[in-house]
Amino acid sequence: MTRHARNCTAGAVYTYHEKKKDAQASGYGTNSQRLGKDSIKNFDCCSLSLQPCRNPVITKDGYLFDKEVILEYIIAKKNEYSKQLKQYEKMKKKEDEEINNKKTSELEKKVESFLKNENNIVSKPLDGFKSEPSTSSISNMANGKEKVLPSFWVPGQTAQVEKSKLQKPDPTIYCPVSGKPLKVKDLVDVKFTAVKDDSKKSIHTQENRYMCAVTHDILSNSIPCAVLRPTGDVVTVECVEKLIKKDMMHPLTSKKLSEKDIIIMQRGGTGYALTNEKLEAKAERPALQA
């Protein structure tokens, strides 16, 4: 093997290395890239707009949204459903008319056939001693049918496929992140406890913006958080495990809590696979055929 064997193009075999190199240069194949911390949203950002929430709400699955953004999404989906429903009703009406016309034409053909047979009974005398040549044939090419039967090589005579049944549009609105059904009444208002800062900086420009409502620990993507449904306060999961779950009482209002009242927030971006499940992005491109 020579020194420049990998870059040699005089070989008779298209090697794997050459194919991989050509695919990378020509834009074929699949591009995979590991996402870092900067590519994933922060813990207090909307899952749709990826911007800090002004009026945060959370779903029962723990996904945070800006109230204005998620309501616009729901309204857009409802308008889309209304358009699809009108189109479905229009197509359904057209399909019903075609079916009724087909039934009417079939009934008229049966009536014409019946009247024709009835007329033949009295209009034509029968001779019992004279046999007539039979014109019926079991061949599917007889009586001029060879010009009517479908031919797959003639565009006008191809076999007709039955129309597929119309499907009524689904009125259910699904969460854009989890894909589960989403209702406005299931959205819970979230109340972040801001960190007291003497500087006049905006809350969104501060490095440490929010803290736990009970322990006053600084919240970040690396700290698991939970939302208490009755008041919407954000606390750490550590606070939930060590304080709240002992007697299942709300630490701020002293009211009884249930398991459904504790909503675990979906984690933000840390760049570590232990915290984030999907850290790899793929871009599908055309496949390079050897």
C-alpha atoms as a PDB file:
ATOM      1  CA  MET A   1       0.000   0.000   0.000  1.00  0.00           C
ATOM      2  CA  THR A   2       1.393   3.344  -1.037  1.00  0.00           C
ATOM      3  CA  ARG A   3       1.509   6.446   1.067  1.00  0.00           C
ATOM      4  CA  HIS A   4      -1.408   8.122  -0.733  1.00  0.00           C
ATOM      5  CA  ALA A   5      -3.550   4.996  -1.086  1.00  0.00           C
ATOM      6  CA  ARG A   6      -6.592   6.591   0.532  1.00  0.00           C
ATOM      7  CA  ASN A   7      -6.708   9.404  -2.006  1.00  0.00           C
ATOM      8  CA  CYS A   8      -5.930   7.179  -4.966  1.00  0.00           C
ATOM      9  CA  THR A   9      -8.715   7.194  -7.589  1.00  0.00           C
ATOM     10  CA  ALA A  10      -7.250   4.621  -9.957  1.00  0.00           C
ATOM     11  CA  GLY A  11      -8.702   1.601  -8.127  1.00  0.00           C
ATOM     12  CA  ALA A  12     -11.392  -0.591  -9.690  1.00  0.00           C
ATOM     13  CA  VAL A  13     -13.414  -0.745  -6.447  1.00  0.00           C
ATOM     14  CA  TYR A  14     -15.485   2.118  -5.012  1.00  0.00           C
ATOM     15  CA  THR A  15     -14.341   1.880  -1.422  1.00  0.00           C
ATOM     16  CA  TYR A  16     -16.290   2.816   1.689  1.00  0.00           C
ATOM     17  CA  HIS A  17     -13.878   5.653   2.445  1.00  0.00           C
ATOM     18  CA  GLU A  18     -14.363   7.142  -1.035  1.00  0.00           C
ATOM     19  CA  LYS A  19     -18.144   6.847  -0.772  1.00  0.00           C
ATOM     20  CA  LYS A  20     -18.170   8.533   2.636  1.00  0.00           C
ATOM     21  CA  LYS A  21     -15.903  11.305   1.398  1.00  0.00           C
ATOM     22  CA  ASP A  22     -18.029  11.904  -1.717  1.00  0.00           C
ATOM     23  CA  ALA A  23     -21.266  11.906   0.324  1.00  0.00           C
ATOM     24  CA  GLN A  24     -19.850  14.515   2.684  1.00  0.00           C
ATOM     25  CA  ALA A  25     -18.663  16.707  -0.170  1.00  0.00           C
ATOM     26  CA  SER A  26     -21.842  16.447  -2.270  1.00  0.00           C
ATOM     27  CA  GLY A  27     -24.401  16.940   0.507  1.00  0.00           C
ATOM     28  CA  TYR A  28     -25.784  13.392   0.633  1.00  0.00           C
ATOM     29  CA  GLY A  29     -26.485  11.245   3.685  1.00  0.00           C
ATOM     30  CA  THR A  30     -27.489  12.181   7.233  1.00  0.00           C
ATOM     31  CA  ASN A  31     -25.898  14.922   9.272  1.00  0.00           C
ATOM     32  CA  SER A  32     -25.801  14.328  13.021  1.00  0.00           C
ATOM     33  CA  GLN A  33     -24.745  16.885  15.572  1.00  0.00           C
ATOM     34  CA  ARG A  34     -24.767  16.783  19.339  1.00  0.00           C
ATOM     35  CA  LEU A  35     -26.677  19.675  20.858  1.00  0.00           C
ATOM     36  CA  GLY A  36     -24.955  21.745  23.487  1.00  0.00           C
ATOM     37  CA  LYS A  37     -26.261  23.882  26.313  1.00  0.00           C
ATOM     38  CA  ASP A  38     -26.777  26.907  24.078  1.00  0.00           C
ATOM     39  CA  SER A  39     -29.021  24.941  21.690  1.00  0.00           C
ATOM     40  CA  ILE A  40     -31.632  24.056  24.321  1.00  0.00           C
ATOM     41  CA  LYS A  41     -34.113  26.442  25.914  1.00  0.00           C
ATOM     42  CA  ASN A  42     -33.777  27.753  29.443  1.00  0.00           C
ATOM     43  CA  PHE A  43     -35.994  26.406  32.239  1.00  0.00           C
ATOM     44  CA  ASP A  44     -38.178  29.554  32.344  1.00  0.00           C
ATOM     45  CA  CYS A  45     -38.599  29.900  28.557  1.00  0.00           C
ATOM     46  CA  CYS A  46     -41.650  29.054  26.473  1.00  0.00           C
ATOM     47  CA  SER A  47     -41.492  25.690  24.716  1.00  0.00           C
ATOM     48  CA  LEU A  48     -42.874  27.273  21.512  1.00  0.00           C
ATOM     49  CA  SER A  49     -41.299  30.727  21.257  1.00  0.00           C
ATOM     50  CA  LEU A  50     -38.124  29.753  23.204  1.00  0.00           C
ATOM     51  CA  GLN A  51     -38.272  33.204  24.826  1.00  0.00           C
ATOM     52  CA  PRO A  52     -38.621  34.030  28.546  1.00  0.00           C
ATOM     53  CA  CYS A  53     -42.263  33.744  29.595  1.00  0.00           C
ATOM     54  CA  ARG A  54     -44.151  36.890  30.557  1.00  0.00           C
ATOM     55  CA  ASN A  55     -47.292  35.030  31.698  1.00  0.00           C
ATOM     56  CA  PRO A  56     -46.078  31.450  32.218  1.00  0.00           C
ATOM     57  CA  VAL A  57     -48.498  28.530  32.242  1.00  0.00           C
ATOM     58  CA  ILE A  58     -47.724  24.836  32.491  1.00  0.00           C
ATOM     59  CA  THR A  59     -49.468  21.713  31.223  1.00  0.00           C
ATOM     60  CA  LYS A  60     -50.176  18.682  33.357  1.00  0.00           C
ATOM     61  CA  ASP A  61     -47.200  16.973  31.659  1.00  0.00           C
ATOM     62  CA  GLY A  62     -44.813  19.698  32.868  1.00  0.00           C
ATOM     63  CA  TYR A  63     -44.215  21.709  29.672  1.00  0.00           C
ATOM     64  CA  LEU A  64     -43.949  25.471  30.173  1.00  0.00           C
ATOM     65  CA  PHE A  65     -45.569  27.924  27.727  1.00  0.00           C
ATOM     66  CA  ASP A  66     -46.222  31.617  27.498  1.00  0.00           C
ATOM     67  CA  LYS A  67     -49.977  32.063  27.913  1.00  0.00           C
ATOM     68  CA  GLU A  68     -50.307  34.341  24.878  1.00  0.00           C
ATOM     69  CA  VAL A  69     -48.308  31.998  22.641  1.00  0.00           C
ATOM     70  CA  ILE A  70     -50.138  28.802  23.604  1.00  0.00           C
ATOM     71  CA  LEU A  71     -53.561  30.472  23.267  1.00  0.00           C
ATOM     72  CA  GLU A  72     -52.640  31.684  19.773  1.00  0.00           C
ATOM     73  CA  TYR A  73     -51.588  28.119  18.942  1.00  0.00           C
ATOM     74  CA  ILE A  74     -54.907  26.700  20.199  1.00  0.00           C
ATOM     75  CA  ILE A  75     -56.935  29.293  18.272  1.00  0.00           C
ATOM     76  CA  ALA A  76     -54.955  28.577  15.091  1.00  0.00           C
ATOM     77  CA  LYS A  77     -55.615  24.847  15.484  1.00  0.00           C
ATOM     78  CA  LYS A  78     -59.335  25.461  16.017  1.00  0.00           C
ATOM     79  CA  ASN A  79     -59.515  27.635  12.886  1.00  0.00           C
ATOM     80  CA  GLU A  80     -57.671  24.940  10.946  1.00  0.00           C
ATOM     81  CA  TYR A  81     -60.160  22.338  12.196  1.00  0.00           C
ATOM     82  CA  SER A  82     -63.095  24.542  11.120  1.00  0.00           C
ATOM     83  CA  LYS A  83     -61.688  24.806   7.589  1.00  0.00           C
ATOM     84  CA  GLN A  84     -61.073  21.070   7.396  1.00  0.00           C
ATOM     85  CA  LEU A  85     -64.594  20.369   8.675  1.00  0.00           C
ATOM     86  CA  LYS A  86     -66.167  22.623   6.023  1.00  0.00           C
ATOM     87  CA  GLN A  87     -64.126  20.927   3.313  1.00  0.00           C
ATOM     88  CA  TYR A  88     -65.087  17.510   4.683  1.00  0.00           C
ATOM     89  CA  GLU A  89     -68.802  18.392   4.698  1.00  0.00           C
ATOM     90  CA  LYS A  90     -68.532  19.675   1.136  1.00  0.00           C
ATOM     91  CA  MET A  91     -66.817  16.493  -0.077  1.00  0.00           C
ATOM     92  CA  LYS A  92     -69.250  14.342   1.902  1.00  0.00           C
ATOM     93  CA  LYS A  93     -72.218  16.072   0.289  1.00  0.00           C
ATOM     94  CA  LYS A  94     -70.706  15.571  -3.145  1.00  0.00           C
ATOM     95  CA  GLU A  95     -70.032  11.911  -2.409  1.00  0.00           C
ATOM     96  CA  ASP A  96     -73.609  11.374  -1.191  1.00  0.00           C
ATOM     97  CA  GLU A  97     -74.978  12.971  -4.363  1.00  0.00           C
ATOM     98  CA  GLU A  98     -72.827  10.661  -6.498  1.00  0.00           C
ATOM     99  CA  ILE A  99     -74.039   7.624  -4.563  1.00  0.00           C
ATOM    100  CA  ASN A 100     -77.694   8.703  -4.920  1.00  0.00           C
ATOM    101  CA  ASN A 101     -77.265   9.324  -8.652  1.00  0.00           C
ATOM    102  CA  LYS A 102     -75.663   5.914  -9.039  1.00  0.00           C
ATOM    103  CA  LYS A 103     -78.521   4.235  -7.180  1.00  0.00           C
ATOM    104  CA  THR A 104     -81.084   6.112  -9.286  1.00  0.00           C
ATOM    105  CA  SER A 105     -79.409   5.109 -12.548  1.00  0.00           C
ATOM    106  CA  GLU A 106     -79.209   1.468 -11.435  1.00  0.00           C
ATOM    107  CA  LEU A 107     -82.899   1.510 -10.546  1.00  0.00           C
ATOM    108  CA  GLU A 108     -83.800   3.009 -13.932  1.00  0.00           C
ATOM    109  CA  LYS A 109     -81.772   0.304 -15.681  1.00  0.00           C
ATOM    110  CA  LYS A 110     -83.602  -2.393 -13.754  1.00  0.00           C
ATOM    111  CA  VAL A 111     -86.964  -0.863 -14.694  1.00  0.00           C
ATOM    112  CA  GLU A 112     -85.974  -0.651 -18.370  1.00  0.00           C
ATOM    113  CA  SER A 113     -84.755  -4.231 -18.324  1.00  0.00           C
ATOM    114  CA  PHE A 114     -87.978  -5.407 -16.689  1.00  0.00           C
ATOM    115  CA  LEU A 115     -90.169  -3.556 -19.220  1.00  0.00           C
ATOM    116  CA  LYS A 116     -88.125  -4.920 -22.097  1.00  0.00           C
ATOM    117  CA  ASN A 117     -88.532  -8.488 -20.882  1.00  0.00           C
ATOM    118  CA  GLU A 118     -92.254  -7.968 -20.348  1.00  0.00           C
ATOM    119  CA  ASN A 119     -92.698  -6.639 -23.884  1.00  0.00           C
ATOM    120  CA  ASN A 120     -90.760  -9.554 -25.389  1.00  0.00           C
ATOM    121  CA  ILE A 121     -93.178 -12.042 -23.817  1.00  0.00           C
ATOM    122  CA  VAL A 122     -96.240 -10.925 -25.859  1.00  0.00           C
ATOM    123  CA  SER A 123     -94.687  -9.371 -28.951  1.00  0.00           C
ATOM    124  CA  LYS A 124     -92.708 -12.345 -30.230  1.00  0.00           C
ATOM    125  CA  PRO A 125     -94.385 -15.747 -30.854  1.00  0.00           C
ATOM    126  CA  LEU A 126     -92.425 -18.795 -29.830  1.00  0.00           C
ATOM    127  CA  ASP A 127     -91.948 -21.846 -32.082  1.00  0.00           C
ATOM    128  CA  GLY A 128     -91.376 -24.880 -29.912  1.00  0.00           C
ATOM    129  CA  PHE A 129     -90.074 -27.042 -32.820  1.00  0.00           C
ATOM    130  CA  LYS A 130     -87.492 -24.520 -34.095  1.00  0.00           C
ATOM    131  CA  SER A 131     -84.245 -23.968 -32.264  1.00  0.00           C
ATOM    132  CA  GLU A 132     -82.485 -20.620 -32.473  1.00  0.00           C
ATOM    133  CA  PRO A 133     -78.727 -20.251 -32.348  1.00  0.00           C
ATOM    134  CA  SER A 134     -77.599 -19.167 -28.916  1.00  0.00           C
ATOM    135  CA  THR A 135     -75.894 -15.804 -28.869  1.00  0.00           C
ATOM    136  CA  SER A 136     -74.782 -15.928 -25.250  1.00  0.00           C
ATOM    137  CA  SER A 137     -71.160 -16.721 -24.617  1.00  0.00           C
ATOM    138  CA  ILE A 138     -69.163 -17.240 -21.452  1.00  0.00           C
ATOM    139  CA  SER A 139     -66.133 -15.570 -23.000  1.00  0.00           C
ATOM    140  CA  ASN A 140     -65.302 -12.153 -21.611  1.00  0.00           C
ATOM    141  CA  MET A 141     -64.111 -11.052 -25.056  1.00  0.00           C
ATOM    142  CA  ALA A 142     -67.353 -11.806 -26.929  1.00  0.00           C
ATOM    143  CA  ASN A 143     -70.095  -9.433 -28.066  1.00  0.00           C
ATOM    144  CA  GLY A 144     -67.723  -6.521 -28.532  1.00  0.00           C
ATOM    145  CA  LYS A 145     -66.450  -6.565 -24.947  1.00  0.00           C
ATOM    146  CA  GLU A 146     -62.863  -6.666 -26.129  1.00  0.00           C
ATOM    147  CA  LYS A 147     -63.154  -2.921 -26.834  1.00  0.00           C
ATOM    148  CA  VAL A 148     -64.632  -2.096 -23.434  1.00  0.00           C
ATOM    149  CA  LEU A 149     -62.468  -4.099 -21.093  1.00  0.00           C
ATOM    150  CA  PRO A 150     -59.726  -2.065 -19.355  1.00  0.00           C
ATOM    151  CA  SER A 151     -56.258  -2.145 -20.826  1.00  0.00           C
ATOM    152  CA  PHE A 152     -53.392  -1.146 -18.607  1.00  0.00           C
ATOM    153  CA  TRP A 153     -51.344   0.154 -21.555  1.00  0.00           C
ATOM    154  CA  VAL A 154     -54.084   2.557 -22.714  1.00  0.00           C
ATOM    155  CA  PRO A 155     -54.508   5.592 -20.417  1.00  0.00           C
ATOM    156  CA  GLY A 156     -58.206   5.969 -21.195  1.00  0.00           C
ATOM    157  CA  GLN A 157     -59.026   2.310 -20.519  1.00  0.00           C
ATOM    158  CA  THR A 158     -57.200   1.721 -17.250  1.00  0.00           C
ATOM    159  CA  ALA A 159     -59.023   0.069 -14.388  1.00  0.00           C
ATOM    160  CA  GLN A 160     -60.784   2.522 -12.117  1.00  0.00           C
ATOM    161  CA  VAL A 161     -59.879   2.372  -8.440  1.00  0.00           C
ATOM    162  CA  GLU A 162     -62.655   3.043  -5.941  1.00  0.00           C
ATOM    163  CA  LYS A 163     -62.433   6.313  -4.086  1.00  0.00           C
ATOM    164  CA  SER A 164     -61.073   6.137  -0.593  1.00  0.00           C
ATOM    165  CA  LYS A 165     -63.505   6.817   2.213  1.00  0.00           C
ATOM    166  CA  LEU A 166     -63.464  10.318   3.603  1.00  0.00           C
ATOM    167  CA  GLN A 167     -62.144  10.721   7.129  1.00  0.00           C
ATOM    168  CA  LYS A 168     -63.687  13.258   9.449  1.00  0.00           C
ATOM    169  CA  PRO A 169     -61.055  15.678  10.849  1.00  0.00           C
ATOM    170  CA  ASP A 170     -60.012  15.185  14.446  1.00  0.00           C
ATOM    171  CA  PRO A 171     -61.237  18.057  16.680  1.00  0.00           C
ATOM    172  CA  THR A 172     -58.712  17.226  19.416  1.00  0.00           C
ATOM    173  CA  ILE A 173     -55.907  19.755  19.939  1.00  0.00           C
ATOM    174  CA  TYR A 174     -52.573  18.172  20.786  1.00  0.00           C
ATOM    175  CA  CYS A 175     -49.648  19.614  22.713  1.00  0.00           C
ATOM    176  CA  PRO A 176     -46.946  20.767  20.230  1.00  0.00           C
ATOM    177  CA  VAL A 177     -44.215  19.197  22.387  1.00  0.00           C
ATOM    178  CA  SER A 178     -45.606  16.042  23.993  1.00  0.00           C
ATOM    179  CA  GLY A 179     -48.253  15.232  21.356  1.00  0.00           C
ATOM    180  CA  LYS A 180     -50.892  14.558  24.049  1.00  0.00           C
ATOM    181  CA  PRO A 181     -54.385  16.147  24.113  1.00  0.00           C
ATOM    182  CA  LEU A 182     -54.302  19.751  25.289  1.00  0.00           C
ATOM    183  CA  LYS A 183     -57.163  21.748  26.824  1.00  0.00           C
ATOM    184  CA  VAL A 184     -57.239  25.343  28.019  1.00  0.00           C
ATOM    185  CA  LYS A 185     -58.747  24.341  31.360  1.00  0.00           C
ATOM    186  CA  ASP A 186     -55.747  22.077  32.053  1.00  0.00           C
ATOM    187  CA  LEU A 187     -53.277  24.978  31.875  1.00  0.00           C
ATOM    188  CA  VAL A 188     -52.002  26.058  35.299  1.00  0.00           C
ATOM    189  CA  ASP A 189     -50.711  29.569  35.953  1.00  0.00           C
ATOM    190  CA  VAL A 190     -47.095  29.532  37.163  1.00  0.00           C
ATOM    191  CA  LYS A 191     -45.748  32.004  39.712  1.00  0.00           C
ATOM    192  CA  PHE A 192     -41.962  32.360  39.829  1.00  0.00           C
ATOM    193  CA  THR A 193     -40.378  33.866  42.931  1.00  0.00           C
ATOM    194  CA  ALA A 194     -37.956  36.546  41.766  1.00  0.00           C
ATOM    195  CA  VAL A 195     -34.545  36.939  43.355  1.00  0.00           C
ATOM    196  CA  LYS A 196     -34.192  40.245  45.183  1.00  0.00           C
ATOM    197  CA  ASP A 197     -31.622  42.329  43.327  1.00  0.00           C
ATOM    198  CA  ASP A 198     -30.742  45.928  44.159  1.00  0.00           C
ATOM    199  CA  SER A 199     -29.541  46.629  40.626  1.00  0.00           C
ATOM    200  CA  LYS A 200     -31.963  48.145  38.125  1.00  0.00           C
ATOM    201  CA  LYS A 201     -31.436  45.399  35.555  1.00  0.00           C
ATOM    202  CA  SER A 202     -34.379  43.728  33.888  1.00  0.00           C
ATOM    203  CA  ILE A 203     -35.384  40.373  35.349  1.00  0.00           C
ATOM    204  CA  HIS A 204     -34.605  38.660  32.012  1.00  0.00           C
ATOM    205  CA  THR A 205     -31.045  40.018  31.887  1.00  0.00           C
ATOM    206  CA  GLN A 206     -30.077  38.819  35.363  1.00  0.00           C
ATOM    207  CA  GLU A 207     -28.003  35.662  35.655  1.00  0.00           C
ATOM    208  CA  ASN A 208     -29.925  34.423  38.721  1.00  0.00           C
ATOM    209  CA  ARG A 209     -33.552  35.355  38.110  1.00  0.00           C
ATOM    210  CA  TYR A 210     -35.749  33.071  40.181  1.00  0.00           C
ATOM    211  CA  MET A 211     -35.527  31.104  43.417  1.00  0.00           C
ATOM    212  CA  CYS A 212     -37.475  28.382  45.226  1.00  0.00           C
ATOM    213  CA  ALA A 213     -40.554  29.766  46.962  1.00  0.00           C
ATOM    214  CA  VAL A 214     -39.792  27.759  50.126  1.00  0.00           C
ATOM    215  CA  THR A 215     -36.036  27.226  50.470  1.00  0.00           C
ATOM    216  CA  HIS A 216     -34.973  30.285  48.399  1.00  0.00           C
ATOM    217  CA  ASP A 217     -32.491  28.154  46.433  1.00  0.00           C
ATOM    218  CA  ILE A 218     -31.508  29.643  43.074  1.00  0.00           C
ATOM    219  CA  LEU A 219     -33.314  27.920  40.173  1.00  0.00           C
ATOM    220  CA  SER A 220     -31.487  26.907  36.994  1.00  0.00           C
ATOM    221  CA  ASN A 221     -31.501  24.218  34.323  1.00  0.00           C
ATOM    222  CA  SER A 222     -29.338  21.969  36.466  1.00  0.00           C
ATOM    223  CA  ILE A 223     -31.860  21.962  39.349  1.00  0.00           C
ATOM    224  CA  PRO A 224     -35.075  19.918  38.937  1.00  0.00           C
ATOM    225  CA  CYS A 225     -38.157  22.012  39.694  1.00  0.00           C
ATOM    226  CA  ALA A 226     -41.828  21.381  40.373  1.00  0.00           C
ATOM    227  CA  VAL A 227     -45.006  23.478  40.342  1.00  0.00           C
ATOM    228  CA  LEU A 228     -47.621  23.320  43.096  1.00  0.00           C
ATOM    229  CA  ARG A 229     -50.945  23.369  41.258  1.00  0.00           C
ATOM    230  CA  PRO A 230     -53.157  25.195  43.835  1.00  0.00           C
ATOM    231  CA  THR A 231     -51.001  28.361  43.927  1.00  0.00           C
ATOM    232  CA  GLY A 232     -48.623  27.891  40.972  1.00  0.00           C
ATOM    233  CA  ASP A 233     -45.505  28.391  43.113  1.00  0.00           C
ATOM    234  CA  VAL A 234     -42.262  26.909  41.766  1.00  0.00           C
ATOM    235  CA  VAL A 235     -40.170  24.866  44.196  1.00  0.00           C
ATOM    236  CA  THR A 236     -37.264  22.484  43.845  1.00  0.00           C
ATOM    237  CA  VAL A 237     -37.801  18.732  43.622  1.00  0.00           C
ATOM    238  CA  GLU A 238     -35.519  18.367  46.620  1.00  0.00           C
ATOM    239  CA  CYS A 239     -37.938  20.516  48.615  1.00  0.00           C
ATOM    240  CA  VAL A 240     -40.812  18.328  47.443  1.00  0.00           C
ATOM    241  CA  GLU A 241     -39.079  15.104  48.459  1.00  0.00           C
ATOM    242  CA  LYS A 242     -37.754  16.274  51.822  1.00  0.00           C
ATOM    243  CA  LEU A 243     -40.453  18.675  53.049  1.00  0.00           C
ATOM    244  CA  ILE A 244     -43.742  18.513  51.171  1.00  0.00           C
ATOM    245  CA  LYS A 245     -44.164  14.742  50.736  1.00  0.00           C
ATOM    246  CA  LYS A 246     -43.736  14.093  54.471  1.00  0.00           C
ATOM    247  CA  ASP A 247     -47.217  15.338  55.356  1.00  0.00           C
ATOM    248  CA  MET A 248     -48.472  16.393  51.852  1.00  0.00           C
ATOM    249  CA  MET A 249     -49.210  19.928  53.056  1.00  0.00           C
ATOM    250  CA  HIS A 250     -48.664  23.118  51.095  1.00  0.00           C
ATOM    251  CA  PRO A 251     -45.776  24.891  52.879  1.00  0.00           C
ATOM    252  CA  LEU A 252     -47.182  28.377  52.131  1.00  0.00           C
ATOM    253  CA  THR A 253     -50.937  27.907  52.595  1.00  0.00           C
ATOM    254  CA  SER A 254     -50.972  24.806  54.866  1.00  0.00           C
ATOM    255  CA  LYS A 255     -53.605  23.151  52.676  1.00  0.00           C
ATOM    256  CA  LYS A 256     -53.701  19.453  51.866  1.00  0.00           C
ATOM    257  CA  LEU A 257     -52.022  18.365  48.614  1.00  0.00           C
ATOM    258  CA  SER A 258     -52.362  15.279  46.417  1.00  0.00           C
ATOM    259  CA  GLU A 259     -50.001  13.677  43.936  1.00  0.00           C
ATOM    260  CA  LYS A 260     -51.770  15.438  41.046  1.00  0.00           C
ATOM    261  CA  ASP A 261     -51.101  18.820  42.658  1.00  0.00           C
ATOM    262  CA  ILE A 262     -47.335  18.385  42.169  1.00  0.00           C
ATOM    263  CA  ILE A 263     -46.318  18.930  38.526  1.00  0.00           C
ATOM    264  CA  ILE A 264     -42.702  18.133  37.696  1.00  0.00           C
ATOM    265  CA  MET A 265     -41.326  20.714  35.253  1.00  0.00           C
ATOM    266  CA  GLN A 266     -39.515  19.440  32.187  1.00  0.00           C
ATOM    267  CA  ARG A 267     -35.823  20.231  32.441  1.00  0.00           C
ATOM    268  CA  GLY A 268     -34.111  22.940  30.431  1.00  0.00           C
ATOM    269  CA  GLY A 269     -30.802  22.616  28.619  1.00  0.00           C
ATOM    270  CA  THR A 270     -27.684  21.545  30.500  1.00  0.00           C
ATOM    271  CA  GLY A 271     -25.809  19.711  27.735  1.00  0.00           C
ATOM    272  CA  TYR A 272     -25.550  16.522  29.802  1.00  0.00           C
ATOM    273  CA  ALA A 273     -27.187  13.314  28.611  1.00  0.00           C
ATOM    274  CA  LEU A 274     -28.258  12.419  32.164  1.00  0.00           C
ATOM    275  CA  THR A 275     -30.486  15.511  32.307  1.00  0.00           C
ATOM    276  CA  ASN A 276     -31.632  15.848  28.703  1.00  0.00           C
ATOM    277  CA  GLU A 277     -32.929  12.886  26.737  1.00  0.00           C
ATOM    278  CA  LYS A 278     -32.617  14.217  23.179  1.00  0.00           C
ATOM    279  CA  LEU A 279     -29.236  15.833  22.660  1.00  0.00           C
ATOM    280  CA  GLU A 280     -28.669  14.781  19.064  1.00  0.00           C
ATOM    281  CA  ALA A 281     -30.078  16.571  16.030  1.00  0.00           C
ATOM    282  CA  LYS A 282     -30.256  14.895  12.630  1.00  0.00           C
ATOM    283  CA  ALA A 283     -30.741  16.414   9.181  1.00  0.00           C
ATOM    284  CA  GLU A 284     -31.956  13.940   6.561  1.00  0.00           C
ATOM    285  CA  ARG A 285     -30.468  14.423   3.106  1.00  0.00           C
ATOM    286  CA  PRO A 286     -30.683  12.427  -0.152  1.00  0.00           C
ATOM    287  CA  ALA A 287     -28.975   9.035  -0.070  1.00  0.00           C
ATOM    288  CA  LEU A 288     -25.916   8.533  -2.261  1.00  0.00           C
ATOM    289  CA  GLN A 289     -26.397   5.392  -4.370  1.00  0.00           C
ATOM    290  CA  ALA A 290     -23.222   3.487  -5.167  1.00  0.00           C
END
